[in-house]
């Protein structure tokens, strides 16, 4: 009871707020005497400003982390490209030296005619490359075509089992 003879716990009970002794209950906030709701909100402005600063700080840190990650990705991509060029240059140099050695050796076997060795080795290498490309393209094209044929044959088989005919049968018999 307060000084006026009213039960001070009654408003908390009417509002559905339990006491600290009840399970899941909370201690109701009791405003000090003489303090109005406006007085309670006066300290709220600086807290909002502080919260805003912390949110801004957090977002700034996240944006900077994304920038650092993007920079690192760019650096590693550039290093990868440089490494790729260096590796390609290494392989190309090795192939050129091998082909020159083969051409010069064959030219010596043909009676000191290096041009003949270079011509024969160049022709064999280009011919082998052309044959390899044609064989690979035919294999890839045939594999893809065979997969498509199997796919549509399976669909037609399913159509015959479900409907008693397939898309081809439907074209020949328009009454169905």
C-alpha atoms as a PDB file:
ATOM      1  CA  UNK A   1       0.000   0.000   0.000  1.00  0.00           C
ATOM      2  CA  UNK A   2       1.174   3.508  -0.708  1.00  0.00           C
ATOM      3  CA  UNK A   3       0.625   6.666   1.301  1.00  0.00           C
ATOM      4  CA  UNK A   4      -2.856   7.192  -0.207  1.00  0.00           C
ATOM      5  CA  UNK A   5      -3.980   3.694   0.752  1.00  0.00           C
ATOM      6  CA  UNK A   6      -3.813   2.261  -2.786  1.00  0.00           C
ATOM      7  CA  UNK A   7      -2.196  -1.039  -3.632  1.00  0.00           C
ATOM      8  CA  UNK A   8       0.932  -0.163  -5.652  1.00  0.00           C
ATOM      9  CA  UNK A   9       1.127  -3.704  -7.121  1.00  0.00           C
ATOM     10  CA  UNK A  10      -2.385  -3.516  -8.546  1.00  0.00           C
ATOM     11  CA  UNK A  11      -1.463  -1.605 -11.770  1.00  0.00           C
ATOM     12  CA  UNK A  12       1.235  -4.157 -12.545  1.00  0.00           C
ATOM     13  CA  UNK A  13      -1.183  -7.015 -12.038  1.00  0.00           C
ATOM     14  CA  UNK A  14      -3.827  -5.336 -14.192  1.00  0.00           C
ATOM     15  CA  UNK A  15      -1.282  -4.821 -16.978  1.00  0.00           C
ATOM     16  CA  UNK A  16      -0.387  -8.523 -16.956  1.00  0.00           C
ATOM     17  CA  UNK A  17       3.134  -8.005 -15.622  1.00  0.00           C
ATOM     18  CA  UNK A  18       4.175 -10.644 -13.129  1.00  0.00           C
ATOM     19  CA  UNK A  19       6.461 -10.174 -10.192  1.00  0.00           C
ATOM     20  CA  UNK A  20      10.019 -11.417  -9.920  1.00  0.00           C
ATOM     21  CA  UNK A  21       8.832 -14.286  -7.703  1.00  0.00           C
ATOM     22  CA  UNK A  22       6.545 -15.736 -10.395  1.00  0.00           C
ATOM     23  CA  UNK A  23       8.019 -17.984 -13.116  1.00  0.00           C
ATOM     24  CA  UNK A  24       8.656 -15.878 -16.216  1.00  0.00           C
ATOM     25  CA  UNK A  25       7.622 -12.780 -14.348  1.00  0.00           C
ATOM     26  CA  UNK A  26       9.493  -9.505 -14.347  1.00  0.00           C
ATOM     27  CA  UNK A  27       9.858  -6.804 -11.804  1.00  0.00           C
ATOM     28  CA  UNK A  28       7.764  -3.860 -12.962  1.00  0.00           C
ATOM     29  CA  UNK A  29       9.544  -0.560 -13.382  1.00  0.00           C
ATOM     30  CA  UNK A  30       8.287   1.844 -10.816  1.00  0.00           C
ATOM     31  CA  UNK A  31       8.838   5.479 -11.668  1.00  0.00           C
ATOM     32  CA  UNK A  32      10.388   7.454  -8.840  1.00  0.00           C
ATOM     33  CA  UNK A  33       7.994   9.899  -7.205  1.00  0.00           C
ATOM     34  CA  UNK A  34       7.874  13.290  -8.885  1.00  0.00           C
ATOM     35  CA  UNK A  35       9.265  12.040 -12.227  1.00  0.00           C
ATOM     36  CA  UNK A  36       7.078  12.374 -15.287  1.00  0.00           C
ATOM     37  CA  UNK A  37       7.277  10.232 -18.435  1.00  0.00           C
ATOM     38  CA  UNK A  38       8.927  13.167 -20.224  1.00  0.00           C
ATOM     39  CA  UNK A  39      11.691  13.133 -17.593  1.00  0.00           C
ATOM     40  CA  UNK A  40      12.253   9.426 -18.228  1.00  0.00           C
ATOM     41  CA  UNK A  41      12.731  10.023 -21.970  1.00  0.00           C
ATOM     42  CA  UNK A  42      15.212  12.894 -21.546  1.00  0.00           C
ATOM     43  CA  UNK A  43      18.156  10.489 -21.293  1.00  0.00           C
ATOM     44  CA  UNK A  44      16.929   8.548 -24.309  1.00  0.00           C
ATOM     45  CA  UNK A  45      18.335  11.012 -26.921  1.00  0.00           C
ATOM     46  CA  UNK A  46      22.008  10.509 -26.030  1.00  0.00           C
ATOM     47  CA  UNK A  47      21.468   6.736 -25.958  1.00  0.00           C
ATOM     48  CA  UNK A  48      19.996   6.851 -29.462  1.00  0.00           C
ATOM     49  CA  UNK A  49      22.942   8.943 -30.644  1.00  0.00           C
ATOM     50  CA  UNK A  50      25.354   6.409 -29.139  1.00  0.00           C
ATOM     51  CA  UNK A  51      23.488   3.518 -30.763  1.00  0.00           C
ATOM     52  CA  UNK A  52      23.577   5.341 -34.106  1.00  0.00           C
ATOM     53  CA  UNK A  53      27.340   5.804 -33.798  1.00  0.00           C
ATOM     54  CA  UNK A  54      27.824   2.102 -33.026  1.00  0.00           C
ATOM     55  CA  UNK A  55      25.686   1.063 -35.991  1.00  0.00           C
ATOM     56  CA  UNK A  56      27.616   3.446 -38.243  1.00  0.00           C
ATOM     57  CA  UNK A  57      30.915   2.064 -36.916  1.00  0.00           C
ATOM     58  CA  UNK A  58      29.746  -1.519 -37.550  1.00  0.00           C
ATOM     59  CA  UNK A  59      28.605  -0.772 -41.110  1.00  0.00           C
ATOM     60  CA  UNK A  60      31.806   1.102 -41.867  1.00  0.00           C
ATOM     61  CA  UNK A  61      33.877  -1.856 -40.639  1.00  0.00           C
ATOM     62  CA  UNK A  62      31.833  -4.268 -42.777  1.00  0.00           C
ATOM     63  CA  UNK A  63      32.206  -2.078 -45.876  1.00  0.00           C
ATOM     64  CA  UNK A  64      35.951  -1.807 -45.302  1.00  0.00           C
ATOM     65  CA  UNK A  65      36.166  -5.604 -44.924  1.00  0.00           C
ATOM     66  CA  UNK A  66      34.406  -6.042 -48.282  1.00  0.00           C
ATOM     67  CA  UNK A  67      36.811  -3.546 -49.875  1.00  0.00           C
ATOM     68  CA  UNK A  68      39.840  -5.389 -48.473  1.00  0.00           C
ATOM     69  CA  UNK A  69      38.457  -8.699 -49.725  1.00  0.00           C
ATOM     70  CA  UNK A  70      37.847  -7.241 -53.191  1.00  0.00           C
ATOM     71  CA  UNK A  71      41.372  -5.823 -53.259  1.00  0.00           C
ATOM     72  CA  UNK A  72      42.845  -9.186 -52.255  1.00  0.00           C
ATOM     73  CA  UNK A  73      40.816 -10.980 -54.915  1.00  0.00           C
ATOM     74  CA  UNK A  74      42.098  -8.498 -57.500  1.00  0.00           C
ATOM     75  CA  UNK A  75      45.707  -8.992 -56.392  1.00  0.00           C
ATOM     76  CA  UNK A  76      45.445 -12.780 -56.507  1.00  0.00           C
ATOM     77  CA  UNK A  77      43.700 -12.632 -59.895  1.00  0.00           C
ATOM     78  CA  UNK A  78      46.514 -10.461 -61.282  1.00  0.00           C
ATOM     79  CA  UNK A  79      49.124 -12.826 -59.856  1.00  0.00           C
ATOM     80  CA  UNK A  80      47.285 -15.764 -61.405  1.00  0.00           C
ATOM     81  CA  UNK A  81      47.215 -14.074 -64.797  1.00  0.00           C
ATOM     82  CA  UNK A  82      50.940 -13.283 -64.604  1.00  0.00           C
ATOM     83  CA  UNK A  83      51.612 -16.899 -63.602  1.00  0.00           C
ATOM     84  CA  UNK A  84      49.478 -18.137 -66.499  1.00  0.00           C
ATOM     85  CA  UNK A  85      51.438 -15.995 -68.967  1.00  0.00           C
ATOM     86  CA  UNK A  86      54.746 -17.166 -67.507  1.00  0.00           C
ATOM     87  CA  UNK A  87      53.641 -20.798 -67.683  1.00  0.00           C
ATOM     88  CA  UNK A  88      52.452 -20.415 -71.265  1.00  0.00           C
ATOM     89  CA  UNK A  89      55.712 -18.726 -72.261  1.00  0.00           C
ATOM     90  CA  UNK A  90      57.652 -21.567 -70.630  1.00  0.00           C
ATOM     91  CA  UNK A  91      55.705 -24.265 -72.465  1.00  0.00           C
ATOM     92  CA  UNK A  92      55.835 -22.413 -75.778  1.00  0.00           C
ATOM     93  CA  UNK A  93      59.598 -21.967 -75.472  1.00  0.00           C
ATOM     94  CA  UNK A  94      60.049 -25.665 -74.674  1.00  0.00           C
ATOM     95  CA  UNK A  95      57.911 -26.711 -77.644  1.00  0.00           C
ATOM     96  CA  UNK A  96      59.743 -24.363 -80.022  1.00  0.00           C
ATOM     97  CA  UNK A  97      63.131 -25.646 -78.868  1.00  0.00           C
ATOM     98  CA  UNK A  98      61.965 -29.260 -79.260  1.00  0.00           C
ATOM     99  CA  UNK A  99      60.585 -28.630 -82.738  1.00  0.00           C
ATOM    100  CA  UNK A 100      63.735 -26.769 -83.799  1.00  0.00           C
ATOM    101  CA  UNK A 101      65.883 -29.616 -82.519  1.00  0.00           C
ATOM    102  CA  UNK A 102      63.804 -32.195 -84.364  1.00  0.00           C
ATOM    103  CA  UNK A 103      63.806 -30.100 -87.532  1.00  0.00           C
ATOM    104  CA  UNK A 104      67.563 -29.511 -87.414  1.00  0.00           C
ATOM    105  CA  UNK A 105      68.241 -33.191 -86.705  1.00  0.00           C
ATOM    106  CA  UNK A 106      66.017 -34.303 -89.573  1.00  0.00           C
ATOM    107  CA  UNK A 107      67.667 -31.674 -91.809  1.00  0.00           C
ATOM    108  CA  UNK A 108      71.091 -33.147 -91.010  1.00  0.00           C
ATOM    109  CA  UNK A 109      69.806 -36.631 -91.871  1.00  0.00           C
ATOM    110  CA  UNK A 110      68.513 -35.292 -95.202  1.00  0.00           C
ATOM    111  CA  UNK A 111      71.976 -34.116 -96.294  1.00  0.00           C
ATOM    112  CA  UNK A 112      72.477 -30.826 -94.407  1.00  0.00           C
ATOM    113  CA  UNK A 113      69.149 -29.341 -95.520  1.00  0.00           C
ATOM    114  CA  UNK A 114      67.687 -27.663 -92.407  1.00  0.00           C
ATOM    115  CA  UNK A 115      64.833 -26.155 -94.430  1.00  0.00           C
ATOM    116  CA  UNK A 116      63.618 -29.644 -95.365  1.00  0.00           C
ATOM    117  CA  UNK A 117      63.645 -30.780 -91.739  1.00  0.00           C
ATOM    118  CA  UNK A 118      61.739 -27.668 -90.649  1.00  0.00           C
ATOM    119  CA  UNK A 119      59.206 -28.154 -93.451  1.00  0.00           C
ATOM    120  CA  UNK A 120      58.596 -31.822 -92.639  1.00  0.00           C
ATOM    121  CA  UNK A 121      58.376 -31.328 -88.835  1.00  0.00           C
ATOM    122  CA  UNK A 122      56.105 -28.271 -89.245  1.00  0.00           C
ATOM    123  CA  UNK A 123      53.803 -30.186 -91.590  1.00  0.00           C
ATOM    124  CA  UNK A 124      53.640 -33.230 -89.299  1.00  0.00           C
ATOM    125  CA  UNK A 125      52.886 -31.081 -86.236  1.00  0.00           C
ATOM    126  CA  UNK A 126      50.174 -29.053 -88.016  1.00  0.00           C
ATOM    127  CA  UNK A 127      48.683 -32.205 -89.560  1.00  0.00           C
ATOM    128  CA  UNK A 128      48.626 -33.921 -86.159  1.00  0.00           C
ATOM    129  CA  UNK A 129      46.977 -30.879 -84.623  1.00  0.00           C
ATOM    130  CA  UNK A 130      44.302 -30.795 -87.343  1.00  0.00           C
ATOM    131  CA  UNK A 131      43.581 -34.527 -86.967  1.00  0.00           C
ATOM    132  CA  UNK A 132      43.351 -34.141 -83.169  1.00  0.00           C
ATOM    133  CA  UNK A 133      40.904 -31.257 -83.482  1.00  0.00           C
ATOM    134  CA  UNK A 134      38.668 -33.090 -85.976  1.00  0.00           C
ATOM    135  CA  UNK A 135      38.617 -36.308 -83.919  1.00  0.00           C
ATOM    136  CA  UNK A 136      37.838 -34.415 -80.700  1.00  0.00           C
ATOM    137  CA  UNK A 137      35.031 -32.390 -82.311  1.00  0.00           C
ATOM    138  CA  UNK A 138      33.446 -35.513 -83.804  1.00  0.00           C
ATOM    139  CA  UNK A 139      33.612 -37.320 -80.477  1.00  0.00           C
ATOM    140  CA  UNK A 140      32.062 -34.411 -78.551  1.00  0.00           C
ATOM    141  CA  UNK A 141      29.367 -33.833 -81.186  1.00  0.00           C
ATOM    142  CA  UNK A 142      28.445 -37.530 -81.421  1.00  0.00           C
ATOM    143  CA  UNK A 143      28.317 -37.934 -77.651  1.00  0.00           C
ATOM    144  CA  UNK A 144      25.998 -34.941 -77.330  1.00  0.00           C
ATOM    145  CA  UNK A 145      23.803 -36.143 -80.205  1.00  0.00           C
ATOM    146  CA  UNK A 146      23.568 -39.673 -78.768  1.00  0.00           C
ATOM    147  CA  UNK A 147      22.517 -38.304 -75.379  1.00  0.00           C
ATOM    148  CA  UNK A 148      19.743 -36.239 -76.996  1.00  0.00           C
ATOM    149  CA  UNK A 149      18.509 -39.209 -79.034  1.00  0.00           C
ATOM    150  CA  UNK A 150      18.361 -41.381 -75.894  1.00  0.00           C
ATOM    151  CA  UNK A 151      16.501 -38.629 -74.024  1.00  0.00           C
ATOM    152  CA  UNK A 152      13.753 -38.348 -76.634  1.00  0.00           C
ATOM    153  CA  UNK A 153      13.520 -42.121 -77.160  1.00  0.00           C
ATOM    154  CA  UNK A 154      12.930 -42.498 -73.404  1.00  0.00           C
ATOM    155  CA  UNK A 155      10.243 -39.804 -73.479  1.00  0.00           C
ATOM    156  CA  UNK A 156       8.488 -41.502 -76.372  1.00  0.00           C
ATOM    157  CA  UNK A 157       8.625 -44.834 -74.523  1.00  0.00           C
ATOM    158  CA  UNK A 158       7.033 -43.172 -71.478  1.00  0.00           C
ATOM    159  CA  UNK A 159       4.352 -41.609 -73.693  1.00  0.00           C
ATOM    160  CA  UNK A 160       3.493 -45.021 -75.190  1.00  0.00           C
ATOM    161  CA  UNK A 161       3.226 -46.581 -71.718  1.00  0.00           C
ATOM    162  CA  UNK A 162       1.040 -43.738 -70.366  1.00  0.00           C
ATOM    163  CA  UNK A 163      -1.151 -42.912 -73.361  1.00  0.00           C
ATOM    164  CA  UNK A 164      -0.884 -45.968 -75.643  1.00  0.00           C
ATOM    165  CA  UNK A 165       0.874 -43.921 -78.345  1.00  0.00           C
ATOM    166  CA  UNK A 166       3.667 -41.398 -78.623  1.00  0.00           C
ATOM    167  CA  UNK A 167       4.109 -38.049 -80.317  1.00  0.00           C
ATOM    168  CA  UNK A 168       4.877 -39.730 -83.681  1.00  0.00           C
ATOM    169  CA  UNK A 169       1.782 -41.913 -83.457  1.00  0.00           C
ATOM    170  CA  UNK A 170      -0.330 -38.879 -82.661  1.00  0.00           C
ATOM    171  CA  UNK A 171       0.754 -37.195 -85.917  1.00  0.00           C
ATOM    172  CA  UNK A 172      -0.234 -40.195 -88.058  1.00  0.00           C
ATOM    173  CA  UNK A 173      -3.665 -40.628 -86.412  1.00  0.00           C
ATOM    174  CA  UNK A 174      -5.429 -37.240 -86.018  1.00  0.00           C
ATOM    175  CA  UNK A 175      -8.611 -38.833 -84.583  1.00  0.00           C
ATOM    176  CA  UNK A 176      -6.940 -39.598 -81.257  1.00  0.00           C
END
